[in-house]
Amino acid sequence: MFMGNYAHKLDPKNRVAVPAGWRSVYGQELVMLASSYHDKLPILKFYTQESFATKLDEIRESALAAGHEMGEVDEYIGSIAGQSFPVEVNNQGKLLIPKAQREYLGLKDQAQLIGRNKHFEIWKPSDFEAENTPQLRKENPLDKKFRML
């Protein structure tokens, strides 16, 4: 389970330290969804192989249950797979952020890592700050019901 959010500096080799609490991913091959968005802001999503396969299965089942054609669903899942790449957290607990993805996010010297339960995300720190103000959290309709934030 990935929880919390952390700002970490990129090292000279453009790697970012993965939080110690997420150590179960060290040495594992992860799946990086290389071009994702959150409210039009670019982000990177990282899944374990197992959680990525589960996510794709959930998408397939939900789309088919909603009446989408099998070919349309397969094409969509194929496009997700085409934007995904294997990555690994090394034995020092660092994850390389490739140049294309650093440019996509606009990362300079820091990255914001955000735990999202079954996956984690990397954001440009200023984008994360702008999207996570106390006011915006209070406007969330689910929080009005559950009052967790």
C-alpha atoms as a PDB file:
ATOM      1  CA  MET A   1       0.000   0.000   0.000  1.00  0.00           C
ATOM      2  CA  PHE A   2       1.379   3.383  -1.013  1.00  0.00           C
ATOM      3  CA  MET A   3       0.507   6.196   1.413  1.00  0.00           C
ATOM      4  CA  GLY A   4       1.719   9.728   2.076  1.00  0.00           C
ATOM      5  CA  ASN A   5       3.373  12.340  -0.083  1.00  0.00           C
ATOM      6  CA  TYR A   6       7.031  13.222  -0.237  1.00  0.00           C
ATOM      7  CA  ALA A   7       9.150  15.837  -1.979  1.00  0.00           C
ATOM      8  CA  HIS A   8      12.521  14.416  -2.979  1.00  0.00           C
ATOM      9  CA  LYS A   9      15.420  15.907  -4.882  1.00  0.00           C
ATOM     10  CA  LEU A  10      16.555  14.314  -8.102  1.00  0.00           C
ATOM     11  CA  ASP A  11      20.130  13.083  -7.858  1.00  0.00           C
ATOM     12  CA  PRO A  12      22.727  13.929 -10.557  1.00  0.00           C
ATOM     13  CA  LYS A  13      21.647  10.805 -12.507  1.00  0.00           C
ATOM     14  CA  ASN A  14      17.987  11.979 -12.469  1.00  0.00           C
ATOM     15  CA  ARG A  15      16.879   9.346  -9.995  1.00  0.00           C
ATOM     16  CA  VAL A  16      14.483   9.974  -7.132  1.00  0.00           C
ATOM     17  CA  ALA A  17      14.497   8.168  -3.799  1.00  0.00           C
ATOM     18  CA  VAL A  18      11.404   6.061  -3.161  1.00  0.00           C
ATOM     19  CA  PRO A  19      10.139   6.524   0.426  1.00  0.00           C
ATOM     20  CA  ALA A  20      11.370   3.957   2.944  1.00  0.00           C
ATOM     21  CA  GLY A  21       7.791   2.968   3.807  1.00  0.00           C
ATOM     22  CA  TRP A  22       7.348   1.751   0.246  1.00  0.00           C
ATOM     23  CA  ARG A  23      10.317  -0.639   0.467  1.00  0.00           C
ATOM     24  CA  SER A  24       8.286  -3.606  -0.721  1.00  0.00           C
ATOM     25  CA  VAL A  25       8.845  -2.346  -4.281  1.00  0.00           C
ATOM     26  CA  TYR A  26      12.665  -2.360  -4.031  1.00  0.00           C
ATOM     27  CA  GLY A  27      14.123  -4.744  -6.565  1.00  0.00           C
ATOM     28  CA  GLN A  28      10.700  -5.265  -8.139  1.00  0.00           C
ATOM     29  CA  GLU A  29       9.908  -4.349 -11.677  1.00  0.00           C
ATOM     30  CA  LEU A  30       7.187  -1.727 -11.690  1.00  0.00           C
ATOM     31  CA  VAL A  31       5.002  -0.494 -14.512  1.00  0.00           C
ATOM     32  CA  MET A  32       5.190   3.226 -15.286  1.00  0.00           C
ATOM     33  CA  LEU A  33       2.227   4.748 -17.090  1.00  0.00           C
ATOM     34  CA  ALA A  34       4.252   7.412 -18.852  1.00  0.00           C
ATOM     35  CA  SER A  35       1.643   9.980 -19.824  1.00  0.00           C
ATOM     36  CA  SER A  36      -1.259  10.368 -17.486  1.00  0.00           C
ATOM     37  CA  TYR A  37      -3.175  13.382 -16.217  1.00  0.00           C
ATOM     38  CA  HIS A  38      -4.888  14.690 -13.128  1.00  0.00           C
ATOM     39  CA  ASP A  39      -7.284  17.538 -13.972  1.00  0.00           C
ATOM     40  CA  LYS A  40      -5.206  18.337 -17.089  1.00  0.00           C
ATOM     41  CA  LEU A  41      -1.922  18.341 -15.140  1.00  0.00           C
ATOM     42  CA  PRO A  42       0.709  15.825 -16.286  1.00  0.00           C
ATOM     43  CA  ILE A  43       1.608  13.035 -13.865  1.00  0.00           C
ATOM     44  CA  LEU A  44       3.358   9.668 -13.944  1.00  0.00           C
ATOM     45  CA  LYS A  45       1.670   6.635 -12.405  1.00  0.00           C
ATOM     46  CA  PHE A  46       3.573   3.631 -11.054  1.00  0.00           C
ATOM     47  CA  TYR A  47       2.033   0.238 -10.365  1.00  0.00           C
ATOM     48  CA  THR A  48       3.367  -3.095  -9.258  1.00  0.00           C
ATOM     49  CA  GLN A  49       2.937  -5.601 -12.060  1.00  0.00           C
ATOM     50  CA  GLU A  50       0.155  -7.276 -10.099  1.00  0.00           C
ATOM     51  CA  SER A  51      -1.759  -4.066  -9.389  1.00  0.00           C
ATOM     52  CA  PHE A  52      -1.380  -2.983 -13.046  1.00  0.00           C
ATOM     53  CA  ALA A  53      -2.840  -6.272 -14.290  1.00  0.00           C
ATOM     54  CA  THR A  54      -5.683  -5.924 -11.781  1.00  0.00           C
ATOM     55  CA  LYS A  55      -6.367  -2.348 -12.924  1.00  0.00           C
ATOM     56  CA  LEU A  56      -6.544  -3.416 -16.570  1.00  0.00           C
ATOM     57  CA  ASP A  57      -8.927  -6.257 -15.636  1.00  0.00           C
ATOM     58  CA  GLU A  58     -11.133  -3.784 -13.735  1.00  0.00           C
ATOM     59  CA  ILE A  59     -11.194  -1.442 -16.733  1.00  0.00           C
ATOM     60  CA  ARG A  60     -12.080  -4.300 -19.087  1.00  0.00           C
ATOM     61  CA  GLU A  61     -14.905  -5.602 -16.870  1.00  0.00           C
ATOM     62  CA  SER A  62     -16.341  -2.154 -16.214  1.00  0.00           C
ATOM     63  CA  ALA A  63     -16.212  -1.100 -19.871  1.00  0.00           C
ATOM     64  CA  LEU A  64     -17.816  -4.319 -21.078  1.00  0.00           C
ATOM     65  CA  ALA A  65     -20.511  -4.083 -18.391  1.00  0.00           C
ATOM     66  CA  ALA A  66     -21.231  -0.530 -19.563  1.00  0.00           C
ATOM     67  CA  GLY A  67     -21.903  -1.856 -23.066  1.00  0.00           C
ATOM     68  CA  HIS A  68     -18.663  -1.013 -24.871  1.00  0.00           C
ATOM     69  CA  GLU A  69     -17.692  -3.353 -27.705  1.00  0.00           C
ATOM     70  CA  MET A  70     -14.855  -5.829 -27.098  1.00  0.00           C
ATOM     71  CA  GLY A  71     -12.771  -4.325 -29.932  1.00  0.00           C
ATOM     72  CA  GLU A  72     -13.122  -0.823 -28.490  1.00  0.00           C
ATOM     73  CA  VAL A  73     -12.118  -2.069 -25.027  1.00  0.00           C
ATOM     74  CA  ASP A  74      -9.131  -3.996 -26.417  1.00  0.00           C
ATOM     75  CA  GLU A  75      -7.999  -0.913 -28.344  1.00  0.00           C
ATOM     76  CA  TYR A  76      -8.228   1.245 -25.210  1.00  0.00           C
ATOM     77  CA  ILE A  77      -6.335  -1.262 -23.072  1.00  0.00           C
ATOM     78  CA  GLY A  78      -3.764  -1.569 -25.862  1.00  0.00           C
ATOM     79  CA  SER A  79      -3.268   2.191 -25.842  1.00  0.00           C
ATOM     80  CA  ILE A  80      -2.658   2.067 -22.081  1.00  0.00           C
ATOM     81  CA  ALA A  81      -0.122  -0.736 -22.551  1.00  0.00           C
ATOM     82  CA  GLY A  82       1.536   1.274 -25.328  1.00  0.00           C
ATOM     83  CA  GLN A  83       2.112   4.167 -22.915  1.00  0.00           C
ATOM     84  CA  SER A  84       3.488   1.906 -20.168  1.00  0.00           C
ATOM     85  CA  PHE A  85       7.071   0.886 -19.520  1.00  0.00           C
ATOM     86  CA  PRO A  86       8.841  -1.418 -17.072  1.00  0.00           C
ATOM     87  CA  VAL A  87      10.973   0.389 -14.475  1.00  0.00           C
ATOM     88  CA  GLU A  88      12.836  -0.804 -11.415  1.00  0.00           C
ATOM     89  CA  VAL A  89      13.669   0.611  -8.016  1.00  0.00           C
ATOM     90  CA  ASN A  90      17.362  -0.136  -7.547  1.00  0.00           C
ATOM     91  CA  ASN A  91      18.987  -1.585  -4.419  1.00  0.00           C
ATOM     92  CA  GLN A  92      19.657   1.979  -3.205  1.00  0.00           C
ATOM     93  CA  GLY A  93      15.919   2.655  -3.274  1.00  0.00           C
ATOM     94  CA  LYS A  94      16.100   4.986  -6.273  1.00  0.00           C
ATOM     95  CA  LEU A  95      13.954   5.176  -9.366  1.00  0.00           C
ATOM     96  CA  LEU A  96      15.238   6.633 -12.632  1.00  0.00           C
ATOM     97  CA  ILE A  97      12.932   9.175 -14.238  1.00  0.00           C
ATOM     98  CA  PRO A  98      13.722   9.094 -17.967  1.00  0.00           C
ATOM     99  CA  LYS A  99      14.433  12.362 -19.765  1.00  0.00           C
ATOM    100  CA  ALA A 100      11.204  12.315 -21.798  1.00  0.00           C
ATOM    101  CA  GLN A 101       9.130  11.929 -18.622  1.00  0.00           C
ATOM    102  CA  ARG A 102      11.096  14.639 -16.752  1.00  0.00           C
ATOM    103  CA  GLU A 103      10.381  16.983 -19.663  1.00  0.00           C
ATOM    104  CA  TYR A 104       6.732  15.892 -19.805  1.00  0.00           C
ATOM    105  CA  LEU A 105       6.277  16.836 -16.129  1.00  0.00           C
ATOM    106  CA  GLY A 106       8.564  19.859 -16.253  1.00  0.00           C
ATOM    107  CA  LEU A 107      10.756  18.481 -13.449  1.00  0.00           C
ATOM    108  CA  LYS A 108      13.933  20.370 -12.668  1.00  0.00           C
ATOM    109  CA  ASP A 109      15.503  19.305  -9.382  1.00  0.00           C
ATOM    110  CA  GLN A 110      12.626  17.930  -7.287  1.00  0.00           C
ATOM    111  CA  ALA A 111       9.761  15.480  -7.662  1.00  0.00           C
ATOM    112  CA  GLN A 112       6.669  14.984  -5.529  1.00  0.00           C
ATOM    113  CA  LEU A 113       5.767  11.336  -4.846  1.00  0.00           C
ATOM    114  CA  ILE A 114       2.172  10.702  -3.825  1.00  0.00           C
ATOM    115  CA  GLY A 115       0.854   7.394  -2.510  1.00  0.00           C
ATOM    116  CA  ARG A 116      -2.539   6.441  -3.932  1.00  0.00           C
ATOM    117  CA  ASN A 117      -3.106   3.121  -2.159  1.00  0.00           C
ATOM    118  CA  LYS A 118      -2.456   0.572  -4.962  1.00  0.00           C
ATOM    119  CA  HIS A 119      -0.193   2.828  -7.020  1.00  0.00           C
ATOM    120  CA  PHE A 120       1.881   5.949  -6.597  1.00  0.00           C
ATOM    121  CA  GLU A 121       2.286   9.055  -8.683  1.00  0.00           C
ATOM    122  CA  ILE A 122       5.055  11.509  -9.446  1.00  0.00           C
ATOM    123  CA  TRP A 123       4.094  15.141  -9.923  1.00  0.00           C
ATOM    124  CA  LYS A 124       5.896  18.415 -10.445  1.00  0.00           C
ATOM    125  CA  PRO A 125       5.889  19.800  -6.866  1.00  0.00           C
ATOM    126  CA  SER A 126       4.276  23.131  -7.796  1.00  0.00           C
ATOM    127  CA  ASP A 127       1.439  21.320  -9.615  1.00  0.00           C
ATOM    128  CA  PHE A 128       0.806  19.147  -6.564  1.00  0.00           C
ATOM    129  CA  GLU A 129       0.716  22.203  -4.280  1.00  0.00           C
ATOM    130  CA  ALA A 130      -1.725  24.008  -6.579  1.00  0.00           C
ATOM    131  CA  GLU A 131      -4.095  21.006  -6.693  1.00  0.00           C
ATOM    132  CA  ASN A 132      -4.002  20.178  -2.988  1.00  0.00           C
ATOM    133  CA  THR A 133      -4.964  23.309  -1.155  1.00  0.00           C
ATOM    134  CA  PRO A 134      -7.182  22.997   1.931  1.00  0.00           C
ATOM    135  CA  GLN A 135      -9.913  24.897   0.058  1.00  0.00           C
ATOM    136  CA  LEU A 136      -9.928  22.485  -2.898  1.00  0.00           C
ATOM    137  CA  ARG A 137      -9.981  19.483  -0.554  1.00  0.00           C
ATOM    138  CA  LYS A 138     -13.011  20.911   1.284  1.00  0.00           C
ATOM    139  CA  GLU A 139     -14.849  21.352  -2.028  1.00  0.00           C
ATOM    140  CA  ASN A 140     -14.610  17.625  -2.766  1.00  0.00           C
ATOM    141  CA  PRO A 141     -18.170  16.217  -2.708  1.00  0.00           C
ATOM    142  CA  LEU A 142     -16.998  12.927  -1.197  1.00  0.00           C
ATOM    143  CA  ASP A 143     -15.311  14.750   1.665  1.00  0.00           C
ATOM    144  CA  LYS A 144     -18.518  16.616   2.361  1.00  0.00           C
ATOM    145  CA  LYS A 145     -20.039  13.198   3.002  1.00  0.00           C
ATOM    146  CA  PHE A 146     -17.190  11.378   4.753  1.00  0.00           C
ATOM    147  CA  ARG A 147     -15.278  14.314   6.355  1.00  0.00           C
ATOM    148  CA  MET A 148     -11.848  12.700   6.138  1.00  0.00           C
ATOM    149  CA  LEU A 149      -9.878  15.685   4.825  1.00  0.00           C
END
